[in-house]
Amino acid sequence: MRVCIVSSCGGHLTEVRCLLPAYSRYDHFYVLDDKALLPLDMQGKTYFVSHSERDWRTLLNFWEAWRLLRKMRPTVVLSTGAGVAVPFSIVAKFFFKTKVVFIETVTRIHRPSLTARLMYWIADDFFYQWESLGRFFPRGRCGGPLI
């Protein structure tokens, strides 16, 4: 199994790194939408793509996703957001038949993020971290806070 971890830098990356014990035993690589100082275990297996803020660069993210996913061929895409998760998940699922797992960020307690509202329809497995979000995601599962 090969896992592609797609994330924005900062809090989203911190959250998905909390799952490191679950995916570290598998071949995995990271996709980040901005440059960041990387811990040793991420060095050499992190790819950087364009940072988009719901602008024309989102189209560029689709192209970057196609190129990278075609090369790396992961079996699972895992993400806690943010926006870069959407193009990578769409390309992975619909072009490469890759399983997509999404976890809504811990900072969303009462209302879901735009990314989560989109990913709910794309992800094969969808998790949220607060019970209060269950009404928005009836097919999702509450996994409790990662952090």
Protein backbone atom coordinates (compact mmCIF):
# COMPACT_ATOMS: atom_id res chain seq x y z
CA MET A 1 0.00 0.00 0.00
CA ARG A 2 1.20 3.52 -0.80
CA VAL A 3 -0.36 6.49 1.00
CA CYS A 4 -0.39 10.04 -0.35
CA ILE A 5 -0.85 12.57 2.45
CA VAL A 6 -2.17 15.85 1.02
CA SER A 7 -2.19 18.89 3.28
CA SER A 8 -1.82 22.57 3.68
CA CYS A 9 1.02 23.66 5.92
CA GLY A 10 0.40 24.62 9.53
CA GLY A 11 -2.50 23.21 11.50
CA HIS A 12 -3.73 20.82 8.82
CA LEU A 13 -0.29 19.27 8.57
CA THR A 14 -0.03 19.05 12.37
CA GLU A 15 -3.33 17.19 12.46
CA VAL A 16 -2.50 14.69 9.73
CA ARG A 17 0.89 14.09 11.37
CA CYS A 18 -1.01 12.93 14.47
CA LEU A 19 -1.96 9.92 12.35
CA LEU A 20 1.68 9.07 11.62
CA PRO A 21 1.54 5.87 13.73
CA ALA A 22 -1.29 4.65 11.48
CA TYR A 23 0.43 5.25 8.14
CA SER A 24 4.16 5.14 8.95
CA ARG A 25 4.35 1.39 8.36
CA TYR A 26 3.24 1.90 4.76
CA ASP A 27 5.09 3.46 1.86
CA HIS A 28 3.96 7.08 2.00
CA PHE A 29 4.70 10.54 0.70
CA TYR A 30 3.46 14.05 1.35
CA VAL A 31 2.04 16.77 -0.87
CA LEU A 32 2.11 20.30 0.59
CA ASP A 33 0.83 23.50 -0.93
CA ASP A 34 3.56 25.72 0.46
CA LYS A 35 7.20 25.53 1.47
CA ALA A 36 7.80 24.58 5.08
CA LEU A 37 10.56 23.42 7.38
CA LEU A 38 10.24 19.66 7.37
CA PRO A 39 10.96 17.15 10.11
CA LEU A 40 13.57 14.57 9.18
CA ASP A 41 11.06 11.83 8.37
CA MET A 42 9.38 14.06 5.73
CA GLN A 43 12.58 15.09 3.98
CA GLY A 44 13.04 13.40 0.64
CA LYS A 45 9.43 12.29 0.43
CA THR A 46 7.57 15.58 0.22
CA TYR A 47 6.35 17.23 -2.97
CA PHE A 48 5.38 20.89 -3.12
CA VAL A 49 2.57 22.19 -5.31
CA SER A 50 1.15 25.65 -5.96
CA HIS A 51 -0.72 27.37 -3.18
CA SER A 52 -4.17 28.38 -4.39
CA GLU A 53 -6.83 30.38 -2.61
CA ARG A 54 -9.84 29.42 -4.72
CA ASP A 55 -8.31 31.18 -7.71
CA TRP A 56 -6.90 30.17 -11.11
CA ARG A 57 -4.12 28.22 -9.40
CA THR A 58 -6.71 25.61 -8.42
CA LEU A 59 -6.65 24.58 -12.09
CA LEU A 60 -2.88 24.32 -11.79
CA ASN A 61 -3.40 22.02 -8.77
CA PHE A 62 -5.44 19.67 -10.96
CA TRP A 63 -2.56 19.48 -13.44
CA GLU A 64 -0.01 19.01 -10.63
CA ALA A 65 -2.21 16.28 -9.14
CA TRP A 66 -2.45 14.46 -12.47
CA ARG A 67 1.32 14.51 -13.00
CA LEU A 68 2.25 13.49 -9.46
CA LEU A 69 -0.42 10.84 -8.97
CA ARG A 70 0.33 9.30 -12.36
CA LYS A 71 3.98 9.01 -11.32
CA MET A 72 3.48 7.83 -7.72
CA ARG A 73 0.30 5.72 -8.03
CA PRO A 74 -0.86 5.75 -4.40
CA THR A 75 -3.57 3.37 -3.23
CA VAL A 76 -4.92 5.87 -0.69
CA VAL A 77 -5.09 9.65 -0.48
CA LEU A 78 -5.38 10.92 3.09
CA SER A 79 -6.10 14.55 3.95
CA THR A 80 -7.28 16.89 6.68
CA GLY A 81 -7.49 19.78 4.20
CA ALA A 82 -7.40 22.44 3.16
CA GLY A 83 -8.25 23.37 -0.43
CA VAL A 84 -5.47 21.40 -2.14
CA ALA A 85 -7.23 18.23 -0.95
CA VAL A 86 -10.08 18.73 -3.41
CA PRO A 87 -8.20 18.67 -6.74
CA PHE A 88 -5.91 15.86 -5.59
CA SER A 89 -8.85 13.78 -4.39
CA ILE A 90 -10.88 14.31 -7.55
CA VAL A 91 -7.97 13.34 -9.78
CA ALA A 92 -7.03 10.37 -7.56
CA LYS A 93 -10.53 8.96 -7.34
CA PHE A 94 -11.82 9.49 -10.84
CA PHE A 95 -8.68 8.97 -12.91
CA PHE A 96 -6.73 6.46 -10.86
CA LYS A 97 -9.46 4.72 -8.80
CA THR A 98 -7.63 5.63 -5.60
CA LYS A 99 -9.40 5.41 -2.25
CA VAL A 100 -9.84 8.81 -0.58
CA VAL A 101 -9.97 9.37 3.19
CA PHE A 102 -10.79 12.82 4.53
CA ILE A 103 -10.84 14.12 8.11
CA GLU A 104 -12.50 17.47 8.82
CA THR A 105 -10.18 19.74 10.77
CA VAL A 106 -10.45 19.89 14.56
CA THR A 107 -11.01 23.65 14.42
CA ARG A 108 -14.47 23.12 12.92
CA ILE A 109 -16.75 22.48 15.87
CA HIS A 110 -20.15 23.92 14.90
CA ARG A 111 -20.03 24.43 11.13
CA PRO A 112 -18.14 22.52 8.44
CA SER A 113 -15.44 24.00 6.24
CA LEU A 114 -15.99 24.46 2.51
CA THR A 115 -13.37 21.79 1.88
CA ALA A 116 -15.26 19.31 4.06
CA ARG A 117 -18.57 20.10 2.35
CA LEU A 118 -16.95 19.26 -1.01
CA MET A 119 -14.94 16.30 0.24
CA TYR A 120 -18.02 14.70 1.80
CA TRP A 121 -19.17 13.83 -1.72
CA ILE A 122 -15.75 12.72 -2.94
CA ALA A 123 -14.25 10.77 -0.03
CA ASP A 124 -14.71 7.03 0.37
CA ASP A 125 -14.26 7.43 4.12
CA PHE A 126 -15.19 10.72 5.77
CA PHE A 127 -14.49 11.57 9.41
CA TYR A 128 -15.28 14.58 11.56
CA GLN A 129 -13.88 15.28 15.00
CA TRP A 130 -16.84 16.78 16.88
CA GLU A 131 -20.27 15.20 17.42
CA SER A 132 -21.89 18.56 16.62
CA LEU A 133 -20.94 18.11 12.94
CA GLY A 134 -22.88 14.86 12.62
CA ARG A 135 -26.00 16.67 11.40
CA PHE A 136 -24.03 17.97 8.40
CA PHE A 137 -22.44 14.63 7.55
CA PRO A 138 -24.91 11.79 8.17
CA ARG A 139 -22.77 9.25 6.27
CA GLY A 140 -19.58 10.39 8.00
CA ARG A 141 -18.13 9.05 11.22
CA CYS A 142 -17.10 10.90 14.34
CA GLY A 143 -13.58 9.85 15.27
CA GLY A 144 -12.99 12.32 18.10
CA PRO A 145 -10.24 14.95 18.18
CA LEU A 146 -6.86 14.03 16.69
CA ILE A 147 -5.03 16.63 18.77
